[in-house]
Amino acid sequence: MPGQNDENGSNDEKKLPEEKIERPADQTIVMNRKNSTLGLFSLIMGIVSLLTLSCCGPLSIILAITAIITGIIARTENQEYAVIGIILGVLGLILPVLLALFITGFAFFTPMFTRFF
């Protein structure tokens, strides 16, 4: 019975009351699922676009555009990986252009190339 001492001499009424917060069962799932598949897909497409930069430029640009679009959609849903996917997608768009400019600029300033023109 409450209020009686047990074998150790402690009183049951001295226990602190437990606080219970009532939540819907699915609310905790929604709160913990900030990283859904769209943000993760944007991140993966950004990484793959940077990895395919050296071997196939047009594929890299297509993957970078995909990473940016899915990242923007996921950003409106407050997903964590979306921002990183957008950044990698922008890098996947800028780096092929810089690489092409570097290669053509290098070709114009080499002595072998200037000999023909």
N, C-alpha and C. Protein backbone atom coordinates (compact mmCIF):
# COMPACT_ATOMS: atom_id res chain seq x y z
N MET A 1 0.84 -1.18 0.00
CA MET A 1 0.00 0.00 0.00
C MET A 1 0.88 1.23 0.00
N PRO A 2 0.42 2.31 -0.63
CA PRO A 2 1.23 3.52 -0.62
C PRO A 2 1.33 4.09 0.77
N GLY A 3 2.46 4.64 1.06
CA GLY A 3 2.70 5.24 2.37
C GLY A 3 3.30 4.28 3.37
N GLN A 4 3.35 2.99 3.06
CA GLN A 4 3.94 2.05 3.98
C GLN A 4 5.41 1.90 3.69
N ASN A 5 6.17 1.59 4.70
CA ASN A 5 7.59 1.36 4.53
C ASN A 5 7.83 -0.05 4.03
N ASP A 6 8.78 -0.19 3.10
CA ASP A 6 9.13 -1.54 2.67
C ASP A 6 10.26 -2.07 3.53
N GLU A 7 10.91 -3.14 3.09
CA GLU A 7 11.92 -3.78 3.91
C GLU A 7 13.10 -2.87 4.20
N ASN A 8 13.45 -1.98 3.28
CA ASN A 8 14.61 -1.12 3.45
C ASN A 8 14.30 0.12 4.26
N GLY A 9 13.05 0.34 4.59
CA GLY A 9 12.70 1.50 5.39
C GLY A 9 12.41 2.73 4.56
N SER A 10 12.34 2.62 3.26
CA SER A 10 12.07 3.80 2.43
C SER A 10 10.57 3.95 2.25
N ASN A 11 10.16 5.15 2.00
CA ASN A 11 8.75 5.45 1.85
C ASN A 11 8.43 5.59 0.37
N ASP A 12 7.33 4.99 -0.08
CA ASP A 12 6.96 5.03 -1.49
C ASP A 12 6.52 6.43 -1.93
N GLU A 13 6.04 7.25 -1.03
CA GLU A 13 5.54 8.56 -1.40
C GLU A 13 6.66 9.55 -1.67
N LYS A 14 7.88 9.24 -1.34
CA LYS A 14 9.00 10.16 -1.53
C LYS A 14 9.51 10.16 -2.97
N LYS A 15 9.01 9.29 -3.82
CA LYS A 15 9.46 9.25 -5.20
C LYS A 15 8.96 10.48 -5.93
N LEU A 16 9.82 10.98 -6.84
CA LEU A 16 9.44 12.15 -7.63
C LEU A 16 8.41 11.76 -8.68
N PRO A 17 7.45 12.62 -8.93
CA PRO A 17 6.45 12.27 -9.95
C PRO A 17 7.08 12.34 -11.35
N GLU A 18 6.67 11.45 -12.21
CA GLU A 18 7.18 11.42 -13.58
C GLU A 18 6.31 12.32 -14.45
N GLU A 19 6.97 13.12 -15.28
CA GLU A 19 6.23 13.99 -16.19
C GLU A 19 5.94 13.22 -17.47
N LYS A 20 4.71 13.27 -17.87
CA LYS A 20 4.32 12.60 -19.10
C LYS A 20 3.84 13.65 -20.08
N ILE A 21 4.48 13.64 -21.25
CA ILE A 21 4.07 14.55 -22.31
C ILE A 21 3.37 13.72 -23.36
N GLU A 22 2.16 14.09 -23.65
CA GLU A 22 1.42 13.31 -24.62
C GLU A 22 1.68 13.87 -26.01
N ARG A 23 2.06 12.99 -26.92
CA ARG A 23 2.33 13.33 -28.31
C ARG A 23 1.65 12.30 -29.19
N PRO A 24 1.28 12.72 -30.38
CA PRO A 24 0.80 11.70 -31.31
C PRO A 24 1.93 10.73 -31.64
N ALA A 25 1.59 9.53 -31.95
CA ALA A 25 2.61 8.49 -32.17
C ALA A 25 3.49 8.81 -33.37
N ASP A 26 2.96 9.46 -34.40
CA ASP A 26 3.77 9.69 -35.59
C ASP A 26 4.57 10.99 -35.53
N GLN A 27 4.38 11.81 -34.53
CA GLN A 27 5.09 13.08 -34.45
C GLN A 27 6.59 12.88 -34.25
N THR A 28 6.98 11.94 -33.44
CA THR A 28 8.40 11.71 -33.22
C THR A 28 9.08 11.20 -34.49
N ILE A 29 8.36 10.46 -35.30
CA ILE A 29 8.93 9.98 -36.56
C ILE A 29 9.14 11.14 -37.51
N VAL A 30 8.20 12.05 -37.57
CA VAL A 30 8.33 13.20 -38.46
C VAL A 30 9.46 14.11 -37.99
N MET A 31 9.61 14.30 -36.69
CA MET A 31 10.65 15.17 -36.18
C MET A 31 12.04 14.59 -36.43
N ASN A 32 12.18 13.29 -36.40
CA ASN A 32 13.49 12.68 -36.57
C ASN A 32 13.84 12.43 -38.03
N ARG A 33 12.92 12.64 -38.95
CA ARG A 33 13.18 12.36 -40.35
C ARG A 33 13.46 13.64 -41.13
N LYS A 34 14.42 14.44 -40.69
CA LYS A 34 14.80 15.63 -41.42
C LYS A 34 15.52 15.26 -42.71
N ASN A 35 16.23 14.18 -42.72
CA ASN A 35 17.00 13.77 -43.88
C ASN A 35 16.20 12.75 -44.68
N SER A 36 15.31 13.21 -45.50
CA SER A 36 14.56 12.25 -46.30
C SER A 36 15.32 11.97 -47.59
N THR A 37 14.72 11.21 -48.44
CA THR A 37 15.43 10.70 -49.61
C THR A 37 15.75 11.78 -50.63
N LEU A 38 14.96 12.82 -50.73
CA LEU A 38 15.22 13.85 -51.74
C LEU A 38 16.48 14.65 -51.43
N GLY A 39 16.69 15.00 -50.17
CA GLY A 39 17.91 15.68 -49.79
C GLY A 39 19.13 14.80 -49.96
N LEU A 40 18.99 13.54 -49.61
CA LEU A 40 20.08 12.59 -49.78
C LEU A 40 20.37 12.34 -51.25
N PHE A 41 19.34 12.31 -52.08
CA PHE A 41 19.52 12.15 -53.52
C PHE A 41 20.27 13.35 -54.10
N SER A 42 19.95 14.54 -53.63
CA SER A 42 20.66 15.74 -54.08
C SER A 42 22.14 15.67 -53.71
N LEU A 43 22.42 15.23 -52.51
CA LEU A 43 23.81 15.09 -52.07
C LEU A 43 24.56 14.07 -52.91
N ILE A 44 23.95 12.95 -53.17
CA ILE A 44 24.60 11.90 -53.97
C ILE A 44 24.83 12.36 -55.40
N MET A 45 23.86 13.04 -55.99
CA MET A 45 24.03 13.54 -57.36
C MET A 45 25.13 14.60 -57.43
N GLY A 46 25.26 15.42 -56.40
CA GLY A 46 26.34 16.40 -56.36
C GLY A 46 27.71 15.74 -56.29
N ILE A 47 27.82 14.70 -55.48
CA ILE A 47 29.10 13.98 -55.37
C ILE A 47 29.43 13.27 -56.67
N VAL A 48 28.44 12.61 -57.27
CA VAL A 48 28.69 11.88 -58.51
C VAL A 48 29.02 12.85 -59.65
N SER A 49 28.42 14.03 -59.64
CA SER A 49 28.74 15.01 -60.69
C SER A 49 30.18 15.47 -60.58
N LEU A 50 30.70 15.59 -59.38
CA LEU A 50 32.11 15.96 -59.23
C LEU A 50 33.04 14.81 -59.59
N LEU A 51 32.60 13.58 -59.32
CA LEU A 51 33.43 12.43 -59.65
C LEU A 51 33.49 12.17 -61.15
N THR A 52 32.41 12.47 -61.87
CA THR A 52 32.40 12.25 -63.31
C THR A 52 32.92 13.44 -64.10
N LEU A 53 33.42 14.43 -63.41
CA LEU A 53 33.91 15.64 -64.07
C LEU A 53 35.07 15.35 -65.01
N SER A 54 35.99 14.51 -64.59
CA SER A 54 37.19 14.29 -65.38
C SER A 54 36.96 13.37 -66.58
N CYS A 55 35.99 12.48 -66.49
CA CYS A 55 35.82 11.52 -67.59
C CYS A 55 34.70 11.90 -68.56
N CYS A 56 33.60 12.41 -68.08
CA CYS A 56 32.50 12.76 -68.99
C CYS A 56 31.85 14.06 -68.51
N GLY A 57 32.21 15.12 -69.19
CA GLY A 57 31.73 16.45 -68.82
C GLY A 57 30.24 16.66 -68.97
N PRO A 58 29.61 16.26 -70.11
CA PRO A 58 28.17 16.47 -70.24
C PRO A 58 27.35 15.73 -69.18
N LEU A 59 27.75 14.53 -68.83
CA LEU A 59 27.06 13.78 -67.78
C LEU A 59 27.22 14.50 -66.44
N SER A 60 28.39 15.06 -66.20
CA SER A 60 28.63 15.81 -64.97
C SER A 60 27.72 17.02 -64.87
N ILE A 61 27.52 17.71 -65.98
CA ILE A 61 26.65 18.88 -65.98
C ILE A 61 25.19 18.48 -65.75
N ILE A 62 24.76 17.40 -66.36
CA ILE A 62 23.38 16.92 -66.16
C ILE A 62 23.16 16.52 -64.71
N LEU A 63 24.12 15.82 -64.13
CA LEU A 63 24.00 15.41 -62.72
C LEU A 63 24.03 16.61 -61.79
N ALA A 64 24.82 17.62 -62.13
CA ALA A 64 24.89 18.83 -61.31
C ALA A 64 23.56 19.58 -61.34
N ILE A 65 22.95 19.67 -62.51
CA ILE A 65 21.64 20.33 -62.61
C ILE A 65 20.60 19.55 -61.81
N THR A 66 20.67 18.23 -61.87
CA THR A 66 19.76 17.39 -61.09
C THR A 66 19.96 17.62 -59.59
N ALA A 67 21.22 17.74 -59.17
CA ALA A 67 21.51 17.97 -57.75
C ALA A 67 20.97 19.32 -57.30
N ILE A 68 21.08 20.33 -58.15
CA ILE A 68 20.59 21.65 -57.78
C ILE A 68 19.07 21.67 -57.68
N ILE A 69 18.40 21.07 -58.66
CA ILE A 69 16.93 21.08 -58.66
C ILE A 69 16.38 20.30 -57.47
N THR A 70 16.88 19.10 -57.25
CA THR A 70 16.38 18.32 -56.12
C THR A 70 16.78 18.95 -54.79
N GLY A 71 17.93 19.62 -54.76
CA GLY A 71 18.33 20.31 -53.53
C GLY A 71 17.42 21.48 -53.20
N ILE A 72 16.99 22.21 -54.22
CA ILE A 72 16.07 23.33 -53.98
C ILE A 72 14.72 22.82 -53.50
N ILE A 73 14.26 21.73 -54.10
CA ILE A 73 12.98 21.16 -53.65
C ILE A 73 13.10 20.66 -52.22
N ALA A 74 14.20 19.99 -51.90
CA ALA A 74 14.38 19.46 -50.55
C ALA A 74 14.63 20.59 -49.55
N ARG A 75 15.19 21.68 -49.99
CA ARG A 75 15.46 22.83 -49.10
C ARG A 75 14.16 23.44 -48.60
N THR A 76 13.13 23.44 -49.44
CA THR A 76 11.84 23.97 -48.99
C THR A 76 11.21 23.09 -47.92
N GLU A 77 11.66 21.84 -47.82
CA GLU A 77 11.14 20.92 -46.80
C GLU A 77 12.07 20.83 -45.59
N ASN A 78 13.04 21.75 -45.48
CA ASN A 78 13.98 21.83 -44.35
C ASN A 78 14.76 20.54 -44.14
N GLN A 79 15.35 20.03 -45.18
CA GLN A 79 16.17 18.83 -45.07
C GLN A 79 17.64 19.23 -45.00
N GLU A 80 18.40 18.53 -44.19
CA GLU A 80 19.77 18.93 -43.89
C GLU A 80 20.73 18.74 -45.06
N TYR A 81 20.60 17.67 -45.79
CA TYR A 81 21.55 17.39 -46.86
C TYR A 81 21.31 18.23 -48.11
N ALA A 82 20.22 18.94 -48.16
CA ALA A 82 19.86 19.70 -49.36
C ALA A 82 20.86 20.81 -49.65
N VAL A 83 21.30 21.51 -48.63
CA VAL A 83 22.23 22.62 -48.84
C VAL A 83 23.57 22.12 -49.38
N ILE A 84 24.04 21.02 -48.85
CA ILE A 84 25.30 20.45 -49.33
C ILE A 84 25.14 19.96 -50.77
N GLY A 85 23.98 19.39 -51.10
CA GLY A 85 23.71 18.96 -52.46
C GLY A 85 23.68 20.13 -53.43
N ILE A 86 23.11 21.26 -53.00
CA ILE A 86 23.08 22.45 -53.86
C ILE A 86 24.49 22.98 -54.08
N ILE A 87 25.29 23.03 -53.03
CA ILE A 87 26.67 23.52 -53.15
C ILE A 87 27.48 22.63 -54.08
N LEU A 88 27.37 21.33 -53.92
CA LEU A 88 28.10 20.41 -54.80
C LEU A 88 27.59 20.49 -56.23
N GLY A 89 26.30 20.72 -56.41
CA GLY A 89 25.75 20.88 -57.75
C GLY A 89 26.27 22.13 -58.44
N VAL A 90 26.37 23.22 -57.69
CA VAL A 90 26.93 24.46 -58.26
C VAL A 90 28.40 24.26 -58.61
N LEU A 91 29.14 23.59 -57.75
CA LEU A 91 30.53 23.27 -58.07
C LEU A 91 30.62 22.37 -59.30
N GLY A 92 29.68 21.45 -59.44
CA GLY A 92 29.64 20.58 -60.60
C GLY A 92 29.32 21.32 -61.89
N LEU A 93 28.69 22.49 -61.78
CA LEU A 93 28.44 23.32 -62.97
C LEU A 93 29.60 24.26 -63.27
N ILE A 94 30.22 24.79 -62.23
CA ILE A 94 31.29 25.78 -62.42
C ILE A 94 32.61 25.13 -62.83
N LEU A 95 32.95 24.02 -62.22
CA LEU A 95 34.25 23.40 -62.48
C LEU A 95 34.44 22.92 -63.92
N PRO A 96 33.44 22.37 -64.61
CA PRO A 96 33.67 22.02 -66.03
C PRO A 96 33.95 23.23 -66.90
N VAL A 97 33.29 24.34 -66.61
CA VAL A 97 33.53 25.56 -67.38
C VAL A 97 34.95 26.07 -67.12
N LEU A 98 35.36 26.09 -65.86
CA LEU A 98 36.72 26.53 -65.54
C LEU A 98 37.76 25.59 -66.13
N LEU A 99 37.47 24.31 -66.10
CA LEU A 99 38.40 23.34 -66.67
C LEU A 99 38.52 23.52 -68.18
N ALA A 100 37.42 23.77 -68.86
CA ALA A 100 37.46 24.00 -70.31
C ALA A 100 38.21 25.29 -70.64
N LEU A 101 38.00 26.33 -69.85
CA LEU A 101 38.74 27.58 -70.08
C LEU A 101 40.23 27.40 -69.82
N PHE A 102 40.56 26.63 -68.80
CA PHE A 102 41.96 26.39 -68.49
C PHE A 102 42.64 25.61 -69.62
N ILE A 103 41.97 24.59 -70.13
CA ILE A 103 42.57 23.77 -71.19
C ILE A 103 42.73 24.58 -72.47
N THR A 104 41.73 25.35 -72.85
CA THR A 104 41.85 26.15 -74.08
C THR A 104 42.86 27.27 -73.90
N GLY A 105 42.91 27.87 -72.73
CA GLY A 105 43.91 28.91 -72.48
C GLY A 105 45.32 28.35 -72.48
N PHE A 106 45.49 27.17 -71.94
CA PHE A 106 46.80 26.52 -71.94
C PHE A 106 47.22 26.18 -73.36
N ALA A 107 46.25 25.77 -74.18
CA ALA A 107 46.57 25.41 -75.56
C ALA A 107 46.97 26.65 -76.37
N PHE A 108 46.36 27.79 -76.10
CA PHE A 108 46.70 29.00 -76.84
C PHE A 108 48.08 29.53 -76.51
N PHE A 109 48.54 29.29 -75.31
CA PHE A 109 49.81 29.88 -74.89
C PHE A 109 51.00 28.92 -74.94
N THR A 110 50.82 27.76 -75.48
CA THR A 110 51.97 26.86 -75.63
C THR A 110 52.69 27.18 -76.94
N PRO A 111 54.00 27.04 -76.99
CA PRO A 111 54.75 27.38 -78.20
C PRO A 111 54.36 26.51 -79.40
N MET A 112 53.98 25.27 -79.17
CA MET A 112 53.63 24.40 -80.26
C MET A 112 52.35 24.87 -80.95
N PHE A 113 51.39 25.36 -80.17
CA PHE A 113 50.14 25.82 -80.74
C PHE A 113 50.32 27.12 -81.51
N THR A 114 51.16 28.04 -81.01
CA THR A 114 51.37 29.31 -81.68
C THR A 114 52.18 29.15 -82.97
N ARG A 115 52.88 28.08 -83.16
CA ARG A 115 53.64 27.84 -84.36
C ARG A 115 52.71 27.63 -85.56
N PHE A 116 51.53 27.06 -85.32
CA PHE A 116 50.61 26.78 -86.42
C PHE A 116 49.79 28.00 -86.83
N PHE A 117 49.70 29.02 -85.98
CA PHE A 117 48.89 30.17 -86.31
C PHE A 117 49.73 31.40 -86.40
